[in-house]
Amino acid sequence: MSLKKARIAVLVSGGGTNLQALIDAQKSGIIKSGGICLVISNNPGAYALERAKNNDIKTAVVNKKECASQQEFEDKIKALISENDIDFIVLAGFMCILSESFTSCFPERIINVHPSLIPSFCGEGFYGLRVHKAALDYGVKVTGATVHYVNEIPDGGRIILQKAVYIEDGDTPEILQKRVMEQAEWKILPEACELVSKIITGDAE
């Protein structure tokens, strides 16, 4: 077994509940082949930054509003990834679409969690509560979450893990969002991080 751990960067925009799930999974030993070394936010006010600081994880802010272009924004993130010897990137509630020129630099080294069973309710425009509203409007009986590799197509990369969540009578988008997080996202995102870490460190069976 390799002693080297995969170095993980987590990109965030908001409260950081998925980041917290990863931090908790690291502490409990679910993630043992990798470690979160850096948290980058596009939003200087993101509470996720506080979660990282409370756990002695290095943080950085790349404010898109202060960048002249998408390329400048992405170049700054790339520089941070390089400077910190990051092995792979986790998008955890990161509300910025990354261009092909960024994603192509990290093939199968960026993962994202999406709050539906891809290929349902995914792609451009499907994020946050919109996903859950669409599932309820359509009348599906089962939804869930998907962790996938990130490529140039929004939600278009190869699927790593999925977990189903049943829709219940009386669900609102808000209620469903919370249940999908608790029952699916917070379970499969840490599991996927461990899987990818093992692949990177050469410990995968």
N, C-alpha and C. Protein backbone atom coordinates (compact mmCIF):
# COMPACT_ATOMS: atom_id res chain seq x y z
N MET A 1 0.83 -1.20 0.00
CA MET A 1 0.00 0.00 0.00
C MET A 1 0.87 1.25 0.00
N SER A 2 0.51 2.20 -0.83
CA SER A 2 1.27 3.45 -0.93
C SER A 2 1.10 4.28 0.33
N LEU A 3 2.20 4.89 0.78
CA LEU A 3 2.12 5.79 1.94
C LEU A 3 1.73 7.19 1.50
N LYS A 4 1.92 7.46 0.21
CA LYS A 4 1.61 8.79 -0.30
C LYS A 4 0.10 8.97 -0.40
N LYS A 5 -0.37 10.11 0.08
CA LYS A 5 -1.80 10.41 -0.05
C LYS A 5 -2.02 11.36 -1.22
N ALA A 6 -3.14 11.17 -1.91
CA ALA A 6 -3.50 12.10 -2.98
C ALA A 6 -3.83 13.45 -2.36
N ARG A 7 -3.33 14.51 -2.97
CA ARG A 7 -3.57 15.86 -2.47
C ARG A 7 -4.80 16.44 -3.18
N ILE A 8 -5.80 16.80 -2.39
CA ILE A 8 -7.10 17.21 -2.92
C ILE A 8 -7.32 18.71 -2.72
N ALA A 9 -7.82 19.37 -3.77
CA ALA A 9 -8.30 20.75 -3.64
C ALA A 9 -9.82 20.72 -3.81
N VAL A 10 -10.52 21.46 -2.97
CA VAL A 10 -11.97 21.54 -3.05
C VAL A 10 -12.35 22.96 -3.46
N LEU A 11 -13.15 23.08 -4.54
CA LEU A 11 -13.61 24.39 -5.01
C LEU A 11 -15.04 24.60 -4.54
N VAL A 12 -15.28 25.76 -3.91
CA VAL A 12 -16.56 26.04 -3.25
C VAL A 12 -17.04 27.45 -3.60
N SER A 13 -18.35 27.67 -3.36
CA SER A 13 -18.91 29.01 -3.57
C SER A 13 -19.75 29.50 -2.40
N GLY A 14 -20.25 28.57 -1.59
CA GLY A 14 -21.24 28.97 -0.59
C GLY A 14 -20.99 28.42 0.80
N GLY A 15 -22.02 27.79 1.36
CA GLY A 15 -21.99 27.36 2.75
C GLY A 15 -21.02 26.23 3.05
N GLY A 16 -20.78 25.40 2.06
CA GLY A 16 -19.78 24.36 2.25
C GLY A 16 -20.26 23.11 2.97
N THR A 17 -21.55 22.75 2.81
CA THR A 17 -22.02 21.53 3.49
C THR A 17 -21.37 20.29 2.90
N ASN A 18 -21.15 20.27 1.58
CA ASN A 18 -20.45 19.13 0.99
C ASN A 18 -18.99 19.09 1.42
N LEU A 19 -18.38 20.25 1.56
CA LEU A 19 -17.01 20.32 2.08
C LEU A 19 -16.97 19.73 3.49
N GLN A 20 -17.95 20.09 4.32
CA GLN A 20 -18.00 19.58 5.68
C GLN A 20 -18.13 18.05 5.69
N ALA A 21 -18.94 17.53 4.76
CA ALA A 21 -19.08 16.07 4.65
C ALA A 21 -17.74 15.42 4.32
N LEU A 22 -16.94 16.07 3.47
CA LEU A 22 -15.62 15.56 3.13
C LEU A 22 -14.66 15.64 4.31
N ILE A 23 -14.70 16.75 5.04
CA ILE A 23 -13.84 16.91 6.22
C ILE A 23 -14.19 15.84 7.26
N ASP A 24 -15.49 15.64 7.49
CA ASP A 24 -15.94 14.63 8.46
C ASP A 24 -15.51 13.23 8.02
N ALA A 25 -15.60 12.97 6.70
CA ALA A 25 -15.22 11.65 6.18
C ALA A 25 -13.72 11.41 6.30
N GLN A 26 -12.96 12.48 6.20
CA GLN A 26 -11.51 12.37 6.37
C GLN A 26 -11.20 12.02 7.83
N LYS A 27 -11.90 12.69 8.74
CA LYS A 27 -11.67 12.44 10.18
C LYS A 27 -12.10 11.03 10.58
N SER A 28 -13.17 10.54 9.96
CA SER A 28 -13.69 9.22 10.36
C SER A 28 -13.00 8.07 9.63
N GLY A 29 -12.13 8.40 8.67
CA GLY A 29 -11.37 7.36 7.99
C GLY A 29 -12.01 6.83 6.72
N ILE A 30 -13.13 7.43 6.30
CA ILE A 30 -13.74 7.02 5.01
C ILE A 30 -12.80 7.44 3.87
N ILE A 31 -12.27 8.67 3.99
CA ILE A 31 -11.22 9.11 3.06
C ILE A 31 -9.89 8.91 3.76
N LYS A 32 -9.14 7.91 3.31
CA LYS A 32 -7.84 7.67 3.95
C LYS A 32 -6.68 7.67 2.95
N SER A 33 -7.02 7.58 1.65
CA SER A 33 -5.97 7.55 0.62
C SER A 33 -5.69 8.96 0.07
N GLY A 34 -6.43 9.94 0.55
CA GLY A 34 -6.25 11.32 0.12
C GLY A 34 -6.47 12.28 1.27
N GLY A 35 -6.07 13.52 1.06
CA GLY A 35 -6.28 14.54 2.09
C GLY A 35 -6.57 15.88 1.45
N ILE A 36 -7.48 16.63 2.07
CA ILE A 36 -7.81 17.98 1.55
C ILE A 36 -6.70 18.93 1.97
N CYS A 37 -6.02 19.49 0.98
CA CYS A 37 -4.88 20.37 1.24
C CYS A 37 -5.20 21.83 0.95
N LEU A 38 -6.27 22.07 0.21
CA LEU A 38 -6.57 23.44 -0.23
C LEU A 38 -8.05 23.59 -0.52
N VAL A 39 -8.62 24.70 -0.07
CA VAL A 39 -10.01 25.05 -0.41
C VAL A 39 -9.97 26.40 -1.13
N ILE A 40 -10.50 26.42 -2.35
CA ILE A 40 -10.52 27.66 -3.16
C ILE A 40 -11.97 28.09 -3.34
N SER A 41 -12.26 29.37 -3.10
CA SER A 41 -13.61 29.89 -3.31
C SER A 41 -13.58 31.06 -4.29
N ASN A 42 -14.63 31.14 -5.11
CA ASN A 42 -14.78 32.31 -5.99
C ASN A 42 -15.52 33.43 -5.25
N ASN A 43 -15.96 33.13 -4.02
CA ASN A 43 -16.76 34.07 -3.23
C ASN A 43 -16.06 34.32 -1.90
N PRO A 44 -15.54 35.57 -1.71
CA PRO A 44 -14.79 35.84 -0.47
C PRO A 44 -15.64 35.69 0.79
N GLY A 45 -16.98 35.75 0.64
CA GLY A 45 -17.85 35.64 1.80
C GLY A 45 -18.37 34.23 2.06
N ALA A 46 -17.85 33.24 1.34
CA ALA A 46 -18.36 31.87 1.48
C ALA A 46 -18.06 31.31 2.87
N TYR A 47 -19.09 30.78 3.52
CA TYR A 47 -18.88 30.19 4.85
C TYR A 47 -17.99 28.94 4.76
N ALA A 48 -17.93 28.34 3.59
CA ALA A 48 -17.05 27.18 3.39
C ALA A 48 -15.60 27.52 3.77
N LEU A 49 -15.18 28.75 3.55
CA LEU A 49 -13.81 29.16 3.92
C LEU A 49 -13.60 29.06 5.42
N GLU A 50 -14.63 29.42 6.18
CA GLU A 50 -14.54 29.30 7.65
C GLU A 50 -14.44 27.83 8.06
N ARG A 51 -15.21 26.98 7.41
CA ARG A 51 -15.14 25.54 7.71
C ARG A 51 -13.72 25.01 7.49
N ALA A 52 -13.11 25.46 6.39
CA ALA A 52 -11.73 25.03 6.10
C ALA A 52 -10.77 25.54 7.17
N LYS A 53 -10.89 26.82 7.51
CA LYS A 53 -9.98 27.41 8.50
C LYS A 53 -10.14 26.74 9.86
N ASN A 54 -11.37 26.40 10.20
CA ASN A 54 -11.63 25.72 11.49
C ASN A 54 -10.98 24.35 11.55
N ASN A 55 -10.62 23.81 10.39
CA ASN A 55 -9.99 22.50 10.33
C ASN A 55 -8.55 22.57 9.83
N ASP A 56 -7.97 23.77 9.93
CA ASP A 56 -6.56 23.99 9.57
C ASP A 56 -6.24 23.60 8.12
N ILE A 57 -7.19 23.88 7.24
CA ILE A 57 -6.97 23.63 5.81
C ILE A 57 -6.69 24.96 5.13
N LYS A 58 -5.68 25.01 4.30
CA LYS A 58 -5.28 26.24 3.60
C LYS A 58 -6.43 26.72 2.70
N THR A 59 -6.65 28.02 2.66
CA THR A 59 -7.72 28.57 1.82
C THR A 59 -7.16 29.63 0.86
N ALA A 60 -7.90 29.84 -0.21
CA ALA A 60 -7.56 30.89 -1.18
C ALA A 60 -8.86 31.38 -1.82
N VAL A 61 -8.87 32.64 -2.22
CA VAL A 61 -10.03 33.22 -2.90
C VAL A 61 -9.60 33.71 -4.28
N VAL A 62 -10.34 33.29 -5.30
CA VAL A 62 -10.15 33.84 -6.65
C VAL A 62 -11.50 34.44 -7.03
N ASN A 63 -11.63 35.73 -6.85
CA ASN A 63 -12.90 36.41 -7.07
C ASN A 63 -13.08 36.68 -8.57
N LYS A 64 -14.05 36.02 -9.15
CA LYS A 64 -14.26 36.14 -10.60
C LYS A 64 -14.55 37.59 -11.00
N LYS A 65 -15.23 38.33 -10.11
CA LYS A 65 -15.58 39.73 -10.41
C LYS A 65 -14.36 40.61 -10.56
N GLU A 66 -13.25 40.19 -9.97
CA GLU A 66 -12.02 40.98 -10.04
C GLU A 66 -11.11 40.53 -11.19
N CYS A 67 -11.56 39.53 -11.94
CA CYS A 67 -10.77 39.05 -13.08
C CYS A 67 -11.33 39.65 -14.37
N ALA A 68 -10.44 40.00 -15.27
CA ALA A 68 -10.84 40.65 -16.52
C ALA A 68 -11.52 39.67 -17.49
N SER A 69 -11.24 38.38 -17.31
CA SER A 69 -11.78 37.39 -18.25
C SER A 69 -11.90 36.04 -17.56
N GLN A 70 -12.61 35.14 -18.22
CA GLN A 70 -12.70 33.74 -17.76
C GLN A 70 -11.30 33.12 -17.70
N GLN A 71 -10.48 33.45 -18.71
CA GLN A 71 -9.13 32.88 -18.75
C GLN A 71 -8.30 33.32 -17.55
N GLU A 72 -8.39 34.60 -17.20
CA GLU A 72 -7.62 35.10 -16.04
C GLU A 72 -8.08 34.39 -14.77
N PHE A 73 -9.40 34.24 -14.63
CA PHE A 73 -9.99 33.54 -13.48
C PHE A 73 -9.45 32.11 -13.38
N GLU A 74 -9.50 31.40 -14.52
CA GLU A 74 -9.05 30.01 -14.54
C GLU A 74 -7.54 29.89 -14.38
N ASP A 75 -6.79 30.83 -14.94
CA ASP A 75 -5.33 30.81 -14.80
C ASP A 75 -4.92 30.95 -13.34
N LYS A 76 -5.65 31.78 -12.60
CA LYS A 76 -5.33 31.96 -11.18
C LYS A 76 -5.60 30.69 -10.39
N ILE A 77 -6.69 30.00 -10.74
CA ILE A 77 -6.99 28.72 -10.07
C ILE A 77 -5.92 27.69 -10.43
N LYS A 78 -5.56 27.64 -11.72
CA LYS A 78 -4.52 26.69 -12.17
C LYS A 78 -3.21 26.92 -11.42
N ALA A 79 -2.86 28.18 -11.23
CA ALA A 79 -1.61 28.52 -10.53
C ALA A 79 -1.64 27.98 -9.09
N LEU A 80 -2.78 28.14 -8.43
CA LEU A 80 -2.92 27.63 -7.06
C LEU A 80 -2.83 26.11 -7.01
N ILE A 81 -3.44 25.46 -8.00
CA ILE A 81 -3.39 23.99 -8.09
C ILE A 81 -1.95 23.53 -8.24
N SER A 82 -1.22 24.21 -9.10
CA SER A 82 0.18 23.86 -9.37
C SER A 82 1.07 24.13 -8.15
N GLU A 83 0.91 25.31 -7.56
CA GLU A 83 1.75 25.70 -6.42
C GLU A 83 1.59 24.75 -5.23
N ASN A 84 0.40 24.18 -5.10
CA ASN A 84 0.11 23.33 -3.95
C ASN A 84 0.20 21.83 -4.27
N ASP A 85 0.77 21.52 -5.44
CA ASP A 85 0.97 20.10 -5.84
C ASP A 85 -0.30 19.27 -5.71
N ILE A 86 -1.40 19.83 -6.21
CA ILE A 86 -2.70 19.15 -6.08
C ILE A 86 -2.82 18.02 -7.10
N ASP A 87 -3.33 16.88 -6.64
CA ASP A 87 -3.51 15.72 -7.51
C ASP A 87 -4.87 15.71 -8.19
N PHE A 88 -5.91 16.11 -7.45
CA PHE A 88 -7.22 16.21 -8.10
C PHE A 88 -8.11 17.20 -7.39
N ILE A 89 -9.15 17.61 -8.12
CA ILE A 89 -10.02 18.72 -7.72
C ILE A 89 -11.43 18.20 -7.50
N VAL A 90 -12.05 18.65 -6.41
CA VAL A 90 -13.45 18.33 -6.14
C VAL A 90 -14.27 19.61 -6.23
N LEU A 91 -15.30 19.61 -7.08
CA LEU A 91 -16.22 20.74 -7.13
C LEU A 91 -17.35 20.44 -6.14
N ALA A 92 -17.44 21.26 -5.10
CA ALA A 92 -18.43 21.02 -4.05
C ALA A 92 -19.28 22.28 -3.90
N GLY A 93 -20.32 22.35 -4.72
CA GLY A 93 -21.14 23.57 -4.70
C GLY A 93 -20.39 24.75 -5.29
N PHE A 94 -19.60 24.48 -6.33
CA PHE A 94 -18.85 25.54 -7.01
C PHE A 94 -19.73 26.05 -8.14
N MET A 95 -20.13 27.32 -8.05
CA MET A 95 -21.17 27.84 -8.95
C MET A 95 -20.62 28.52 -10.20
N CYS A 96 -19.45 28.10 -10.65
CA CYS A 96 -18.88 28.65 -11.88
C CYS A 96 -18.63 27.50 -12.86
N ILE A 97 -19.04 27.68 -14.09
CA ILE A 97 -18.75 26.69 -15.13
C ILE A 97 -17.29 26.87 -15.55
N LEU A 98 -16.56 25.77 -15.64
CA LEU A 98 -15.16 25.82 -16.05
C LEU A 98 -15.07 25.48 -17.54
N SER A 99 -14.22 26.20 -18.26
CA SER A 99 -14.13 26.04 -19.72
C SER A 99 -13.36 24.77 -20.08
N GLU A 100 -13.45 24.42 -21.36
CA GLU A 100 -12.72 23.24 -21.85
C GLU A 100 -11.22 23.43 -21.70
N SER A 101 -10.74 24.67 -21.83
CA SER A 101 -9.28 24.89 -21.70
C SER A 101 -8.81 24.61 -20.28
N PHE A 102 -9.72 24.72 -19.31
CA PHE A 102 -9.37 24.36 -17.92
C PHE A 102 -9.52 22.85 -17.71
N THR A 103 -10.71 22.32 -18.05
CA THR A 103 -10.96 20.90 -17.75
C THR A 103 -10.02 19.97 -18.51
N SER A 104 -9.61 20.37 -19.71
CA SER A 104 -8.72 19.51 -20.51
C SER A 104 -7.32 19.41 -19.89
N CYS A 105 -6.98 20.33 -19.00
CA CYS A 105 -5.68 20.26 -18.31
C CYS A 105 -5.68 19.20 -17.21
N PHE A 106 -6.88 18.78 -16.79
CA PHE A 106 -6.99 17.84 -15.67
C PHE A 106 -7.93 16.68 -16.03
N PRO A 107 -7.59 15.90 -17.07
CA PRO A 107 -8.50 14.82 -17.48
C PRO A 107 -8.67 13.77 -16.38
N GLU A 108 -9.92 13.50 -16.03
CA GLU A 108 -10.28 12.56 -14.95
C GLU A 108 -9.56 12.91 -13.64
N ARG A 109 -9.34 14.22 -13.45
CA ARG A 109 -8.76 14.71 -12.20
C ARG A 109 -9.66 15.78 -11.56
N ILE A 110 -10.87 15.94 -12.11
CA ILE A 110 -11.86 16.85 -11.50
C ILE A 110 -13.14 16.04 -11.32
N ILE A 111 -13.72 16.09 -10.11
CA ILE A 111 -15.00 15.42 -9.90
C ILE A 111 -16.02 16.42 -9.36
N ASN A 112 -17.28 16.11 -9.62
CA ASN A 112 -18.37 16.99 -9.20
C ASN A 112 -19.51 16.13 -8.69
N VAL A 113 -20.28 16.67 -7.74
CA VAL A 113 -21.50 15.99 -7.29
C VAL A 113 -22.68 16.79 -7.83
N HIS A 114 -23.63 16.07 -8.42
CA HIS A 114 -24.82 16.70 -8.99
C HIS A 114 -26.06 16.09 -8.33
N PRO A 115 -27.05 16.94 -7.95
CA PRO A 115 -28.18 16.43 -7.17
C PRO A 115 -29.32 15.81 -7.99
N SER A 116 -28.96 14.91 -8.91
CA SER A 116 -29.97 14.10 -9.60
C SER A 116 -29.27 12.85 -10.10
N LEU A 117 -30.06 11.92 -10.62
CA LEU A 117 -29.49 10.73 -11.24
C LEU A 117 -29.23 11.05 -12.71
N ILE A 118 -28.01 11.49 -13.01
CA ILE A 118 -27.65 11.79 -14.40
C ILE A 118 -27.91 10.53 -15.24
N PRO A 119 -28.54 10.63 -16.42
CA PRO A 119 -28.72 11.82 -17.26
C PRO A 119 -30.01 12.60 -17.04
N SER A 120 -30.76 12.35 -15.98
CA SER A 120 -31.97 13.14 -15.72
C SER A 120 -31.62 14.48 -15.07
N PHE A 121 -32.33 15.52 -15.45
CA PHE A 121 -32.28 16.83 -14.77
C PHE A 121 -30.84 17.31 -14.57
N CYS A 122 -30.11 17.37 -15.67
CA CYS A 122 -28.71 17.80 -15.58
C CYS A 122 -28.36 18.65 -16.79
N GLY A 123 -27.16 19.17 -16.80
CA GLY A 123 -26.69 20.00 -17.90
C GLY A 123 -26.85 21.47 -17.57
N GLU A 124 -26.66 22.30 -18.56
CA GLU A 124 -26.68 23.75 -18.36
C GLU A 124 -28.02 24.21 -17.79
N GLY A 125 -27.95 25.04 -16.77
CA GLY A 125 -29.17 25.59 -16.17
C GLY A 125 -29.75 24.76 -15.04
N PHE A 126 -29.28 23.52 -14.90
CA PHE A 126 -29.78 22.66 -13.82
C PHE A 126 -28.80 22.71 -12.65
N TYR A 127 -29.15 23.50 -11.65
CA TYR A 127 -28.32 23.57 -10.44
C TYR A 127 -29.21 23.96 -9.26
N GLY A 128 -28.74 23.64 -8.07
CA GLY A 128 -29.45 24.03 -6.85
C GLY A 128 -30.89 23.53 -6.83
N LEU A 129 -31.78 24.39 -6.36
CA LEU A 129 -33.19 24.01 -6.22
C LEU A 129 -33.88 23.74 -7.56
N ARG A 130 -33.34 24.30 -8.64
CA ARG A 130 -33.94 24.08 -9.97
C ARG A 130 -34.02 22.59 -10.31
N VAL A 131 -32.98 21.84 -9.89
CA VAL A 131 -32.93 20.40 -10.19
C VAL A 131 -34.09 19.70 -9.49
N HIS A 132 -34.28 20.02 -8.22
CA HIS A 132 -35.32 19.35 -7.41
C HIS A 132 -36.72 19.77 -7.86
N LYS A 133 -36.86 21.03 -8.24
CA LYS A 133 -38.16 21.50 -8.74
C LYS A 133 -38.51 20.75 -10.03
N ALA A 134 -37.53 20.58 -10.91
CA ALA A 134 -37.76 19.87 -12.17
C ALA A 134 -38.18 18.42 -11.91
N ALA A 135 -37.51 17.76 -10.96
CA ALA A 135 -37.85 16.37 -10.64
C ALA A 135 -39.28 16.27 -10.12
N LEU A 136 -39.66 17.21 -9.25
CA LEU A 136 -41.02 17.19 -8.70
C LEU A 136 -42.05 17.53 -9.78
N ASP A 137 -41.74 18.52 -10.61
CA ASP A 137 -42.68 18.92 -11.68
C ASP A 137 -42.90 17.77 -12.66
N TYR A 138 -41.87 16.98 -12.90
CA TYR A 138 -41.96 15.88 -13.85
C TYR A 138 -42.72 14.69 -13.25
N GLY A 139 -42.69 14.62 -11.92
CA GLY A 139 -43.41 13.54 -11.25
C GLY A 139 -42.64 12.25 -11.09
N VAL A 140 -41.31 12.32 -11.18
CA VAL A 140 -40.53 11.09 -10.97
C VAL A 140 -40.69 10.61 -9.53
N LYS A 141 -40.55 9.32 -9.33
CA LYS A 141 -40.71 8.74 -7.98
C LYS A 141 -39.38 8.53 -7.28
N VAL A 142 -38.32 8.54 -8.08
CA VAL A 142 -36.98 8.33 -7.54
C VAL A 142 -36.05 9.40 -8.11
N THR A 143 -35.26 10.01 -7.24
CA THR A 143 -34.21 10.93 -7.69
C THR A 143 -32.94 10.49 -6.97
N GLY A 144 -32.01 11.40 -6.75
CA GLY A 144 -30.79 11.00 -6.06
C GLY A 144 -29.65 11.94 -6.37
N ALA A 145 -28.43 11.41 -6.34
CA ALA A 145 -27.25 12.22 -6.63
C ALA A 145 -26.24 11.39 -7.42
N THR A 146 -25.39 12.09 -8.15
CA THR A 146 -24.38 11.46 -9.00
C THR A 146 -23.04 12.17 -8.78
N VAL A 147 -21.99 11.38 -8.61
CA VAL A 147 -20.64 11.95 -8.67
C VAL A 147 -20.04 11.53 -10.01
N HIS A 148 -19.50 12.52 -10.72
CA HIS A 148 -18.98 12.23 -12.07
C HIS A 148 -17.70 13.01 -12.30
N TYR A 149 -16.92 12.50 -13.26
CA TYR A 149 -15.76 13.27 -13.70
C TYR A 149 -16.25 14.48 -14.48
N VAL A 150 -15.48 15.56 -14.42
CA VAL A 150 -15.86 16.80 -15.10
C VAL A 150 -15.10 16.92 -16.42
N ASN A 151 -15.87 17.17 -17.48
CA ASN A 151 -15.25 17.50 -18.77
C ASN A 151 -15.86 18.80 -19.27
N GLU A 152 -15.70 19.06 -20.58
CA GLU A 152 -16.15 20.36 -21.11
C GLU A 152 -17.67 20.47 -21.21
N ILE A 153 -18.39 19.36 -21.05
CA ILE A 153 -19.86 19.39 -21.13
C ILE A 153 -20.43 19.41 -19.72
N PRO A 154 -21.26 20.41 -19.37
CA PRO A 154 -21.82 20.44 -18.02
C PRO A 154 -22.52 19.11 -17.68
N ASP A 155 -22.06 18.48 -16.59
CA ASP A 155 -22.60 17.19 -16.12
C ASP A 155 -22.42 16.08 -17.14
N GLY A 156 -21.43 16.21 -18.04
CA GLY A 156 -21.29 15.27 -19.14
C GLY A 156 -20.21 14.22 -18.98
N GLY A 157 -19.44 14.28 -17.90
CA GLY A 157 -18.33 13.35 -17.73
C GLY A 157 -18.76 11.98 -17.22
N ARG A 158 -17.83 11.05 -17.25
CA ARG A 158 -18.11 9.67 -16.87
C ARG A 158 -18.57 9.58 -15.42
N ILE A 159 -19.59 8.76 -15.19
CA ILE A 159 -20.17 8.62 -13.84
C ILE A 159 -19.28 7.73 -12.99
N ILE A 160 -19.07 8.16 -11.74
CA ILE A 160 -18.27 7.39 -10.78
C ILE A 160 -19.19 6.63 -9.82
N LEU A 161 -20.12 7.34 -9.20
CA LEU A 161 -21.06 6.72 -8.25
C LEU A 161 -22.43 7.40 -8.35
N GLN A 162 -23.47 6.64 -8.07
CA GLN A 162 -24.82 7.20 -7.97
C GLN A 162 -25.53 6.59 -6.76
N LYS A 163 -26.45 7.36 -6.19
CA LYS A 163 -27.27 6.82 -5.10
C LYS A 163 -28.68 7.37 -5.26
N ALA A 164 -29.66 6.47 -5.16
CA ALA A 164 -31.06 6.85 -5.34
C ALA A 164 -31.68 7.32 -4.03
N VAL A 165 -32.64 8.24 -4.16
CA VAL A 165 -33.43 8.75 -3.03
C VAL A 165 -34.89 8.77 -3.48
N TYR A 166 -35.76 8.22 -2.66
CA TYR A 166 -37.19 8.20 -3.02
C TYR A 166 -37.83 9.55 -2.76
N ILE A 167 -38.72 9.95 -3.67
CA ILE A 167 -39.51 11.15 -3.49
C ILE A 167 -40.74 10.79 -2.66
N GLU A 168 -41.07 11.66 -1.71
CA GLU A 168 -42.17 11.37 -0.79
C GLU A 168 -43.30 12.38 -0.97
N ASP A 169 -44.51 11.97 -0.59
CA ASP A 169 -45.66 12.87 -0.65
C ASP A 169 -45.36 14.13 0.18
N GLY A 170 -45.73 15.28 -0.37
CA GLY A 170 -45.52 16.53 0.37
C GLY A 170 -44.15 17.14 0.19
N ASP A 171 -43.30 16.51 -0.62
CA ASP A 171 -41.97 17.08 -0.85
C ASP A 171 -42.08 18.43 -1.55
N THR A 172 -41.29 19.37 -1.08
CA THR A 172 -41.05 20.63 -1.79
C THR A 172 -39.61 20.57 -2.30
N PRO A 173 -39.23 21.46 -3.21
CA PRO A 173 -37.82 21.45 -3.65
C PRO A 173 -36.85 21.55 -2.47
N GLU A 174 -37.21 22.36 -1.46
CA GLU A 174 -36.31 22.56 -0.30
C GLU A 174 -36.18 21.29 0.53
N ILE A 175 -37.33 20.62 0.78
CA ILE A 175 -37.31 19.38 1.57
C ILE A 175 -36.52 18.29 0.82
N LEU A 176 -36.78 18.21 -0.49
CA LEU A 176 -36.10 17.21 -1.30
C LEU A 176 -34.60 17.47 -1.37
N GLN A 177 -34.23 18.72 -1.51
CA GLN A 177 -32.81 19.09 -1.57
C GLN A 177 -32.09 18.60 -0.32
N LYS A 178 -32.70 18.83 0.84
CA LYS A 178 -32.08 18.44 2.12
C LYS A 178 -31.93 16.92 2.19
N ARG A 179 -32.97 16.19 1.76
CA ARG A 179 -32.92 14.73 1.86
C ARG A 179 -31.90 14.15 0.88
N VAL A 180 -31.82 14.72 -0.32
CA VAL A 180 -30.83 14.24 -1.30
C VAL A 180 -29.41 14.48 -0.77
N MET A 181 -29.21 15.62 -0.14
CA MET A 181 -27.89 15.89 0.45
C MET A 181 -27.55 14.84 1.52
N GLU A 182 -28.49 14.69 2.48
CA GLU A 182 -28.22 13.82 3.63
C GLU A 182 -28.09 12.35 3.23
N GLN A 183 -28.98 11.89 2.33
CA GLN A 183 -29.02 10.46 2.01
C GLN A 183 -28.10 10.07 0.87
N ALA A 184 -27.74 11.03 0.02
CA ALA A 184 -26.95 10.67 -1.17
C ALA A 184 -25.65 11.47 -1.29
N GLU A 185 -25.74 12.78 -1.44
CA GLU A 185 -24.53 13.57 -1.73
C GLU A 185 -23.44 13.38 -0.68
N TRP A 186 -23.83 13.49 0.60
CA TRP A 186 -22.83 13.43 1.66
C TRP A 186 -22.26 12.04 1.87
N LYS A 187 -22.87 11.05 1.23
CA LYS A 187 -22.34 9.68 1.32
C LYS A 187 -21.44 9.35 0.12
N ILE A 188 -21.94 9.65 -1.09
CA ILE A 188 -21.18 9.21 -2.27
C ILE A 188 -20.02 10.14 -2.63
N LEU A 189 -20.08 11.41 -2.24
CA LEU A 189 -18.95 12.30 -2.56
C LEU A 189 -17.69 11.85 -1.81
N PRO A 190 -17.76 11.60 -0.50
CA PRO A 190 -16.56 11.08 0.18
C PRO A 190 -16.10 9.72 -0.38
N GLU A 191 -17.05 8.84 -0.69
CA GLU A 191 -16.69 7.52 -1.25
C GLU A 191 -15.96 7.69 -2.58
N ALA A 192 -16.45 8.61 -3.41
CA ALA A 192 -15.80 8.86 -4.70
C ALA A 192 -14.41 9.45 -4.52
N CYS A 193 -14.26 10.31 -3.54
CA CYS A 193 -12.93 10.89 -3.25
C CYS A 193 -11.93 9.80 -2.88
N GLU A 194 -12.39 8.85 -2.09
CA GLU A 194 -11.50 7.74 -1.71
C GLU A 194 -11.16 6.89 -2.93
N LEU A 195 -12.16 6.60 -3.77
CA LEU A 195 -11.92 5.81 -4.98
C LEU A 195 -10.89 6.48 -5.89
N VAL A 196 -11.08 7.78 -6.14
CA VAL A 196 -10.17 8.51 -7.05
C VAL A 196 -8.78 8.62 -6.41
N SER A 197 -8.74 8.84 -5.11
CA SER A 197 -7.44 8.91 -4.40
C SER A 197 -6.67 7.61 -4.57
N LYS A 198 -7.39 6.49 -4.45
CA LYS A 198 -6.73 5.18 -4.61
C LYS A 198 -6.19 4.99 -6.02
N ILE A 199 -6.95 5.45 -7.02
CA ILE A 199 -6.49 5.34 -8.40
C ILE A 199 -5.21 6.17 -8.59
N ILE A 200 -5.20 7.37 -8.03
CA ILE A 200 -4.07 8.28 -8.21
C ILE A 200 -2.83 7.77 -7.50
N THR A 201 -3.01 7.20 -6.31
CA THR A 201 -1.85 6.71 -5.55
C THR A 201 -1.44 5.31 -5.96
N GLY A 202 -2.22 4.71 -6.87
CA GLY A 202 -1.88 3.38 -7.37
C GLY A 202 -2.30 2.26 -6.46
N ASP A 203 -3.23 2.56 -5.53
CA ASP A 203 -3.69 1.53 -4.58
C ASP A 203 -5.00 0.87 -5.00
N ALA A 204 -5.55 1.27 -6.13
CA ALA A 204 -6.81 0.69 -6.55
C ALA A 204 -6.61 -0.78 -6.92
N GLU A 205 -7.60 -1.60 -6.52
CA GLU A 205 -7.52 -3.03 -6.82
C GLU A 205 -7.68 -3.24 -8.32
